[in-house]
PDB file of N, CA and C in Angstrom:
ATOM      1  N   MET A   1      23.753  -8.002  -7.621  1.00  0.00           N
ATOM      2  CA  MET A   1      22.481  -7.903  -7.703  1.00  0.00           C
ATOM      3  C   MET A   1      22.355  -6.173  -7.875  1.00  0.00           C
ATOM      4  N   GLY A   2      21.998  -6.116  -9.251  1.00  0.00           N
ATOM      5  CA  GLY A   2      22.256  -4.599 -10.044  1.00  0.00           C
ATOM      6  C   GLY A   2      22.191  -3.608  -9.118  1.00  0.00           C
ATOM      7  N   GLY A   3      22.009  -2.235  -9.202  1.00  0.00           N
ATOM      8  CA  GLY A   3      21.548  -1.486  -8.264  1.00  0.00           C
ATOM      9  C   GLY A   3      20.443  -1.104  -8.280  1.00  0.00           C
ATOM     10  N   GLU A   4      19.064  -2.220  -7.950  1.00  0.00           N
ATOM     11  CA  GLU A   4      17.447  -2.487  -7.408  1.00  0.00           C
ATOM     12  C   GLU A   4      18.154  -1.339  -6.010  1.00  0.00           C
ATOM     13  N   SER A   5      16.945  -0.669  -5.530  1.00  0.00           N
ATOM     14  CA  SER A   5      16.592  -1.008  -3.743  1.00  0.00           C
ATOM     15  C   SER A   5      15.439  -1.449  -3.567  1.00  0.00           C
ATOM     16  N   GLU A   6      15.071  -1.930  -2.438  1.00  0.00           N
ATOM     17  CA  GLU A   6      13.939  -2.299  -2.064  1.00  0.00           C
ATOM     18  C   GLU A   6      13.037  -0.664  -1.188  1.00  0.00           C
ATOM     19  N   LEU A   7      12.238  -0.611  -1.853  1.00  0.00           N
ATOM     20  CA  LEU A   7      11.023   0.088  -1.389  1.00  0.00           C
ATOM     21  C   LEU A   7      10.176  -0.393  -0.154  1.00  0.00           C
ATOM     22  N   ARG A   8      10.429   0.387   0.683  1.00  0.00           N
ATOM     23  CA  ARG A   8       9.146  -0.046   1.477  1.00  0.00           C
ATOM     24  C   ARG A   8       7.666   0.939   1.619  1.00  0.00           C
ATOM     25  N   LEU A   9       6.447   0.004   2.065  1.00  0.00           N
ATOM     26  CA  LEU A   9       4.950   0.984   1.277  1.00  0.00           C
ATOM     27  C   LEU A   9       4.742   1.179   3.177  1.00  0.00           C
ATOM     28  N   ARG A  10       4.098   2.014   2.940  1.00  0.00           N
ATOM     29  CA  ARG A  10       3.845   2.480   4.852  1.00  0.00           C
ATOM     30  C   ARG A  10       2.083   2.827   4.099  1.00  0.00           C
ATOM     31  N   PRO A  11       1.128   2.421   5.417  1.00  0.00           N
ATOM     32  CA  PRO A  11      -0.022   3.166   5.592  1.00  0.00           C
ATOM     33  C   PRO A  11      -0.152   4.535   5.489  1.00  0.00           C
ATOM     34  N   ASP A  12      -0.687   5.372   5.108  1.00  0.00           N
ATOM     35  CA  ASP A  12      -1.128   7.099   5.367  1.00  0.00           C
ATOM     36  C   ASP A  12      -2.075   6.984   5.492  1.00  0.00           C
ATOM     37  N   PRO A  13      -3.626   6.698   6.314  1.00  0.00           N
ATOM     38  CA  PRO A  13      -4.948   7.267   6.609  1.00  0.00           C
ATOM     39  C   PRO A  13      -5.184   8.859   6.517  1.00  0.00           C
ATOM     40  N   ILE A  14      -3.837   9.288   7.444  1.00  0.00           N
ATOM     41  CA  ILE A  14      -4.805  10.484   7.385  1.00  0.00           C
ATOM     42  C   ILE A  14      -4.503  11.390   6.169  1.00  0.00           C
ATOM     43  N   ARG A  15      -3.755  10.626   5.498  1.00  0.00           N
ATOM     44  CA  ARG A  15      -2.852  10.964   4.257  1.00  0.00           C
ATOM     45  C   ARG A  15      -2.304  12.809   4.390  1.00  0.00           C
ATOM     46  N   GLY A  16      -1.209  12.475   5.766  1.00  0.00           N
ATOM     47  CA  GLY A  16      -0.399  13.331   5.927  1.00  0.00           C
ATOM     48  C   GLY A  16       1.150  13.618   5.341  1.00  0.00           C
ATOM     49  N   LEU A  17       1.244  11.906   5.209  1.00  0.00           N
ATOM     50  CA  LEU A  17       2.987  11.880   5.038  1.00  0.00           C
ATOM     51  C   LEU A  17       3.550  12.698   3.746  1.00  0.00           C
ATOM     52  N   PRO A  18       4.106  13.230   3.370  1.00  0.00           N
ATOM     53  CA  PRO A  18       4.637  14.000   2.192  1.00  0.00           C
ATOM     54  C   PRO A  18       5.237  13.580   0.986  1.00  0.00           C
ATOM     55  N   GLY A  19       5.012  13.393  -0.027  1.00  0.00           N
ATOM     56  CA  GLY A  19       5.472  12.942  -1.142  1.00  0.00           C
ATOM     57  C   GLY A  19       3.957  12.052  -2.048  1.00  0.00           C
ATOM     58  N   ARG A  20       4.352  11.802  -3.177  1.00  0.00           N
ATOM     59  CA  ARG A  20       3.368  11.041  -4.007  1.00  0.00           C
ATOM     60  C   ARG A  20       2.833   9.262  -3.913  1.00  0.00           C
ATOM     61  N   GLY A  21       1.676   9.607  -2.919  1.00  0.00           N
ATOM     62  CA  GLY A  21       1.061   8.413  -2.595  1.00  0.00           C
ATOM     63  C   GLY A  21       0.179   7.361  -3.591  1.00  0.00           C
ATOM     64  N   ALA A  22      -0.249   6.583  -3.653  1.00  0.00           N
ATOM     65  CA  ALA A  22      -1.584   5.648  -3.756  1.00  0.00           C
ATOM     66  C   ALA A  22      -2.656   5.088  -3.397  1.00  0.00           C
ATOM     67  N   HIS A  23      -3.785   5.608  -3.425  1.00  0.00           N
ATOM     68  CA  HIS A  23      -5.042   5.081  -2.716  1.00  0.00           C
ATOM     69  C   HIS A  23      -5.225   3.087  -3.121  1.00  0.00           C
ATOM     70  N   LEU A  24      -5.846   2.783  -2.074  1.00  0.00           N
ATOM     71  CA  LEU A  24      -5.973   1.532  -2.498  1.00  0.00           C
ATOM     72  C   LEU A  24      -6.909   1.358  -0.933  1.00  0.00           C
ATOM     73  N   HIS A  25      -8.251   0.602  -1.442  1.00  0.00           N
ATOM     74  CA  HIS A  25      -9.353  -0.139  -0.466  1.00  0.00           C
ATOM     75  C   HIS A  25      -8.214  -0.897   0.538  1.00  0.00           C
ATOM     76  N   PRO A  26      -8.517  -0.533   1.997  1.00  0.00           N
ATOM     77  CA  PRO A  26      -8.275  -1.991   3.204  1.00  0.00           C
ATOM     78  C   PRO A  26      -8.529  -3.242   2.891  1.00  0.00           C
ATOM     79  N   ASP A  27      -8.251  -3.746   1.709  1.00  0.00           N
ATOM     80  CA  ASP A  27      -9.247  -5.276   1.725  1.00  0.00           C
ATOM     81  C   ASP A  27      -7.964  -6.661   0.869  1.00  0.00           C
ATOM     82  N   PRO A  28      -7.602  -7.159   0.975  1.00  0.00           N
ATOM     83  CA  PRO A  28      -6.176  -7.738   1.320  1.00  0.00           C
ATOM     84  C   PRO A  28      -6.737  -8.545  -0.283  1.00  0.00           C
ATOM     85  N   ALA A  29      -8.122  -8.943  -0.859  1.00  0.00           N
ATOM     86  CA  ALA A  29      -8.517  -8.948  -2.263  1.00  0.00           C
ATOM     87  C   ALA A  29      -7.232  -7.917  -3.032  1.00  0.00           C
ATOM     88  N   CYS A  30      -7.507  -6.556  -2.653  1.00  0.00           N
ATOM     89  CA  CYS A  30      -7.353  -5.175  -2.807  1.00  0.00           C
ATOM     90  C   CYS A  30      -5.867  -5.090  -3.892  1.00  0.00           C
ATOM     91  N   LEU A  31      -4.999  -5.160  -2.258  1.00  0.00           N
ATOM     92  CA  LEU A  31      -3.670  -5.327  -2.248  1.00  0.00           C
ATOM     93  C   LEU A  31      -2.873  -6.638  -2.971  1.00  0.00           C
ATOM     94  N   GLN A  32      -3.426  -7.927  -2.789  1.00  0.00           N
ATOM     95  CA  GLN A  32      -3.351  -8.963  -4.327  1.00  0.00           C
ATOM     96  C   GLN A  32      -3.154  -8.759  -5.326  1.00  0.00           C
ATOM     97  N   LEU A  33      -4.247  -8.139  -5.596  1.00  0.00           N
ATOM     98  CA  LEU A  33      -4.226  -7.433  -7.337  1.00  0.00           C
ATOM     99  C   LEU A  33      -3.558  -6.868  -7.486  1.00  0.00           C
ATOM    100  N   ALA A  34      -3.442  -5.254  -6.501  1.00  0.00           N
ATOM    101  CA  ALA A  34      -2.222  -4.393  -6.914  1.00  0.00           C
ATOM    102  C   ALA A  34      -0.941  -5.326  -7.068  1.00  0.00           C
ATOM    103  N   GLN A  35      -0.339  -5.632  -6.175  1.00  0.00           N
ATOM    104  CA  GLN A  35       1.063  -6.813  -6.388  1.00  0.00           C
ATOM    105  C   GLN A  35       0.703  -7.312  -7.402  1.00  0.00           C
ATOM    106  N   ARG A  36       0.243  -7.996  -8.210  1.00  0.00           N
ATOM    107  CA  ARG A  36       0.192  -9.330  -9.122  1.00  0.00           C
ATOM    108  C   ARG A  36       0.295  -8.184 -10.190  1.00  0.00           C
ATOM    109  N   ARG A  37      -0.391  -7.208  -9.923  1.00  0.00           N
ATOM    110  CA  ARG A  37      -0.350  -6.068 -11.575  1.00  0.00           C
ATOM    111  C   ARG A  37       1.109  -5.392 -11.343  1.00  0.00           C
ATOM    112  N   ARG A  38       1.441  -5.276 -10.674  1.00  0.00           N
ATOM    113  CA  ARG A  38       2.740  -4.204 -10.292  1.00  0.00           C
ATOM    114  C   ARG A  38       1.935  -3.016 -10.537  1.00  0.00           C
ATOM    115  N   ALA A  39       0.738  -2.474  -9.850  1.00  0.00           N
ATOM    116  CA  ALA A  39       0.853  -1.455  -9.883  1.00  0.00           C
ATOM    117  C   ALA A  39       1.733  -0.685  -8.916  1.00  0.00           C
ATOM    118  N   PHE A  40       2.044  -0.879  -8.020  1.00  0.00           N
ATOM    119  CA  PHE A  40       2.771   0.032  -7.269  1.00  0.00           C
ATOM    120  C   PHE A  40       3.660   1.095  -7.145  1.00  0.00           C
ATOM    121  N   GLY A  41       4.492   0.094  -8.305  1.00  0.00           N
ATOM    122  CA  GLY A  41       5.837   0.821  -9.208  1.00  0.00           C
ATOM    123  C   GLY A  41       4.762   1.881  -9.968  1.00  0.00           C
ATOM    124  N   ARG A  42       3.892   1.694 -10.981  1.00  0.00           N
ATOM    125  CA  ARG A  42       3.660   2.845 -11.844  1.00  0.00           C
ATOM    126  C   ARG A  42       2.681   3.683 -11.230  1.00  0.00           C
ATOM    127  N   ALA A  43       2.394   3.747  -9.787  1.00  0.00           N
ATOM    128  CA  ALA A  43       1.166   4.337  -9.032  1.00  0.00           C
ATOM    129  C   ALA A  43       2.702   5.651  -8.899  1.00  0.00           C
ATOM    130  N   LEU A  44       3.135   4.955  -8.132  1.00  0.00           N
ATOM    131  CA  LEU A  44       4.381   5.417  -7.443  1.00  0.00           C
ATOM    132  C   LEU A  44       5.354   6.219  -8.226  1.00  0.00           C
ATOM    133  N   ARG A  45       5.459   5.510  -9.864  1.00  0.00           N
ATOM    134  CA  ARG A  45       7.186   5.732  -9.898  1.00  0.00           C
ATOM    135  C   ARG A  45       8.267   5.656  -9.652  1.00  0.00           C
ATOM    136  N   VAL A  46       8.386   4.737  -9.265  1.00  0.00           N
ATOM    137  CA  VAL A  46       9.679   4.255  -8.470  1.00  0.00           C
ATOM    138  C   VAL A  46       9.874   2.913  -9.444  1.00  0.00           C
ATOM    139  N   THR A  47      10.702   2.548  -9.341  1.00  0.00           N
ATOM    140  CA  THR A  47      11.757   1.680  -9.559  1.00  0.00           C
ATOM    141  C   THR A  47      12.056   1.076  -8.748  1.00  0.00           C
ATOM    142  N   GLY A  48      12.573  -1.248  -8.747  1.00  0.00           N
ATOM    143  CA  GLY A  48      12.732  -1.610  -7.890  1.00  0.00           C
ATOM    144  C   GLY A  48      11.839  -2.402  -7.348  1.00  0.00           C
ATOM    145  N   VAL A  49      13.002  -3.152  -6.290  1.00  0.00           N
ATOM    146  CA  VAL A  49      11.842  -4.454  -6.007  1.00  0.00           C
ATOM    147  C   VAL A  49      10.788  -3.632  -4.217  1.00  0.00           C
ATOM    148  N   VAL A  50       9.611  -3.720  -4.582  1.00  0.00           N
ATOM    149  CA  VAL A  50       8.824  -3.109  -3.403  1.00  0.00           C
ATOM    150  C   VAL A  50       7.964  -3.901  -1.970  1.00  0.00           C
ATOM    151  N   ASP A  51       8.534  -3.030  -0.779  1.00  0.00           N
ATOM    152  CA  ASP A  51       7.983  -4.205   0.134  1.00  0.00           C
ATOM    153  C   ASP A  51       6.791  -4.061   0.423  1.00  0.00           C
ATOM    154  N   SER A  52       5.746  -4.441   0.174  1.00  0.00           N
ATOM    155  CA  SER A  52       4.958  -3.667   1.188  1.00  0.00           C
ATOM    156  C   SER A  52       3.812  -4.643   1.912  1.00  0.00           C
ATOM    157  N   GLY A  53       4.862  -5.420   2.779  1.00  0.00           N
ATOM    158  CA  GLY A  53       5.061  -5.701   4.154  1.00  0.00           C
ATOM    159  C   GLY A  53       4.325  -4.989   5.103  1.00  0.00           C
ATOM    160  N   GLU A  54       4.837  -3.821   5.722  1.00  0.00           N
ATOM    161  CA  GLU A  54       3.664  -3.379   6.348  1.00  0.00           C
ATOM    162  C   GLU A  54       2.919  -2.943   5.729  1.00  0.00           C
ATOM    163  N   LEU A  55       2.260  -2.360   4.935  1.00  0.00           N
ATOM    164  CA  LEU A  55       0.976  -2.460   4.452  1.00  0.00           C
ATOM    165  C   LEU A  55       0.510  -3.467   4.154  1.00  0.00           C
ATOM    166  N   ALA A  56       0.902  -4.780   4.151  1.00  0.00           N
ATOM    167  CA  ALA A  56      -0.215  -5.794   4.368  1.00  0.00           C
ATOM    168  C   ALA A  56      -0.468  -6.010   5.950  1.00  0.00           C
ATOM    169  N   GLU A  57       0.783  -5.904   6.853  1.00  0.00           N
ATOM    170  CA  GLU A  57      -0.026  -6.147   7.755  1.00  0.00           C
ATOM    171  C   GLU A  57      -1.054  -4.521   8.644  1.00  0.00           C
ATOM    172  N   TYR A  58      -0.848  -3.768   7.747  1.00  0.00           N
ATOM    173  CA  TYR A  58      -2.294  -2.584   8.480  1.00  0.00           C
ATOM    174  C   TYR A  58      -3.673  -2.987   7.585  1.00  0.00           C
ATOM    175  N   ILE A  59      -3.902  -3.555   6.785  1.00  0.00           N
ATOM    176  CA  ILE A  59      -4.699  -4.233   5.707  1.00  0.00           C
ATOM    177  C   ILE A  59      -5.323  -5.270   6.825  1.00  0.00           C
ATOM    178  N   ARG A  60      -4.238  -6.276   7.085  1.00  0.00           N
ATOM    179  CA  ARG A  60      -4.490  -7.335   8.138  1.00  0.00           C
ATOM    180  C   ARG A  60      -5.508  -6.949   9.173  1.00  0.00           C
ATOM    181  N   ALA A  61      -4.468  -5.847  10.275  1.00  0.00           N
ATOM    182  CA  ALA A  61      -5.271  -5.101  11.421  1.00  0.00           C
ATOM    183  C   ALA A  61      -6.427  -4.564  11.201  1.00  0.00           C
ATOM    184  N   SER A  62      -7.063  -3.792  10.080  1.00  0.00           N
ATOM    185  CA  SER A  62      -8.063  -2.676   9.867  1.00  0.00           C
ATOM    186  C   SER A  62      -8.995  -3.626   9.720  1.00  0.00           C
ATOM    187  N   THR A  63      -8.880  -4.675   8.633  1.00  0.00           N
ATOM    188  CA  THR A  63      -9.631  -5.820   8.567  1.00  0.00           C
ATOM    189  C   THR A  63     -10.327  -6.326   9.147  1.00  0.00           C
ATOM    190  N   ALA A  64      -9.818  -7.234  10.613  1.00  0.00           N
ATOM    191  CA  ALA A  64     -10.127  -8.646  11.362  1.00  0.00           C
ATOM    192  C   ALA A  64     -10.363  -6.920  12.513  1.00  0.00           C
ATOM    193  N   THR A  65     -10.323  -5.271  12.907  1.00  0.00           N
ATOM    194  CA  THR A  65     -10.562  -4.739  13.800  1.00  0.00           C
ATOM    195  C   THR A  65     -12.474  -3.798  13.132  1.00  0.00           C
ATOM    196  N   SER A  66     -12.153  -3.991  12.005  1.00  0.00           N
ATOM    197  CA  SER A  66     -13.446  -2.880  11.196  1.00  0.00           C
ATOM    198  C   SER A  66     -14.395  -4.362  10.858  1.00  0.00           C
ATOM    199  N   GLY A  67     -14.490  -5.667  10.994  1.00  0.00           N
ATOM    200  CA  GLY A  67     -15.187  -6.788  10.702  1.00  0.00           C
ATOM    201  C   GLY A  67     -15.169  -6.836   9.236  1.00  0.00           C
ATOM    202  N   HIS A  68     -15.608  -5.846   8.444  1.00  0.00           N
ATOM    203  CA  HIS A  68     -15.716  -6.109   7.152  1.00  0.00           C
ATOM    204  C   HIS A  68     -13.877  -5.538   6.292  1.00  0.00           C
ATOM    205  N   PRO A  69     -13.772  -6.138   4.995  1.00  0.00           N
ATOM    206  CA  PRO A  69     -12.693  -5.759   4.498  1.00  0.00           C
ATOM    207  C   PRO A  69     -12.599  -4.277   3.972  1.00  0.00           C
ATOM    208  N   ALA A  70     -13.900  -3.726   2.986  1.00  0.00           N
ATOM    209  CA  ALA A  70     -13.587  -1.968   2.679  1.00  0.00           C
ATOM    210  C   ALA A  70     -14.742  -1.780   2.789  1.00  0.00           C
ATOM    211  N   GLY A  71     -15.289  -0.836   4.186  1.00  0.00           N
ATOM    212  CA  GLY A  71     -15.979  -0.320   4.539  1.00  0.00           C
ATOM    213  C   GLY A  71     -16.651   0.945   3.633  1.00  0.00           C
ATOM    214  N   ARG A  72     -17.541   1.507   3.127  1.00  0.00           N
ATOM    215  CA  ARG A  72     -17.634   2.870   2.750  1.00  0.00           C
ATOM    216  C   ARG A  72     -16.325   3.840   3.163  1.00  0.00           C
ATOM    217  N   GLY A  73     -15.981   4.500   2.247  1.00  0.00           N
ATOM    218  CA  GLY A  73     -14.862   5.670   2.575  1.00  0.00           C
ATOM    219  C   GLY A  73     -13.667   5.280   3.276  1.00  0.00           C
ATOM    220  N   SER A  74     -13.715   4.318   2.696  1.00  0.00           N
ATOM    221  CA  SER A  74     -12.536   4.144   3.481  1.00  0.00           C
ATOM    222  C   SER A  74     -11.113   3.229   3.038  1.00  0.00           C
ATOM    223  N   HIS A  75     -11.008   4.338   2.120  1.00  0.00           N
ATOM    224  CA  HIS A  75      -9.731   4.394   1.480  1.00  0.00           C
ATOM    225  C   HIS A  75      -8.632   4.644   2.223  1.00  0.00           C
ATOM    226  N   SER A  76      -8.049   4.559   2.244  1.00  0.00           N
ATOM    227  CA  SER A  76      -5.752   4.535   2.838  1.00  0.00           C
ATOM    228  C   SER A  76      -5.261   4.922   1.240  1.00  0.00           C
ATOM    229  N   LYS A  77      -4.445   5.756   2.502  1.00  0.00           N
ATOM    230  CA  LYS A  77      -3.725   6.395   0.880  1.00  0.00           C
ATOM    231  C   LYS A  77      -1.596   5.348   0.929  1.00  0.00           C
ATOM    232  N   VAL A  78      -1.537   5.411   0.427  1.00  0.00           N
ATOM    233  CA  VAL A  78      -0.127   4.787   0.215  1.00  0.00           C
ATOM    234  C   VAL A  78       0.841   5.468   0.389  1.00  0.00           C
ATOM    235  N   GLY A  79       2.134   5.383   1.394  1.00  0.00           N
ATOM    236  CA  GLY A  79       2.424   6.915   1.519  1.00  0.00           C
ATOM    237  C   GLY A  79       3.764   6.407   0.611  1.00  0.00           C
ATOM    238  N   ARG A  80       4.901   8.024   0.539  1.00  0.00           N
ATOM    239  CA  ARG A  80       6.097   7.746   0.137  1.00  0.00           C
ATOM    240  C   ARG A  80       7.535   6.532  -0.277  1.00  0.00           C
ATOM    241  N   PRO A  81       7.560   6.218  -0.658  1.00  0.00           N
ATOM    242  CA  PRO A  81       8.058   4.716  -0.121  1.00  0.00           C
ATOM    243  C   PRO A  81       9.204   4.755   0.282  1.00  0.00           C
ATOM    244  N   THR A  82      10.090   4.790   1.445  1.00  0.00           N
ATOM    245  CA  THR A  82      11.186   4.870   2.489  1.00  0.00           C
ATOM    246  C   THR A  82      12.085   3.999   1.531  1.00  0.00           C
TER     247      THR A  82
END
């Protein structure tokens, strides 16, 4: 299986994690679009498979809590992949 390693995306709502991040609306539709366009690899300058499971769960939870998918000023930073 080649030399590709799986990278995990982590939410960073307070923008405190070190390293490169990417901004994403906390909206499931935005996440799906970013995944379909393979935007995370380009934005984070990584190669390989990107696991967005933890990020998807965070977005689902924040959407359920807030009652709306993307409130004003509710951008989230995706922290450095681990």
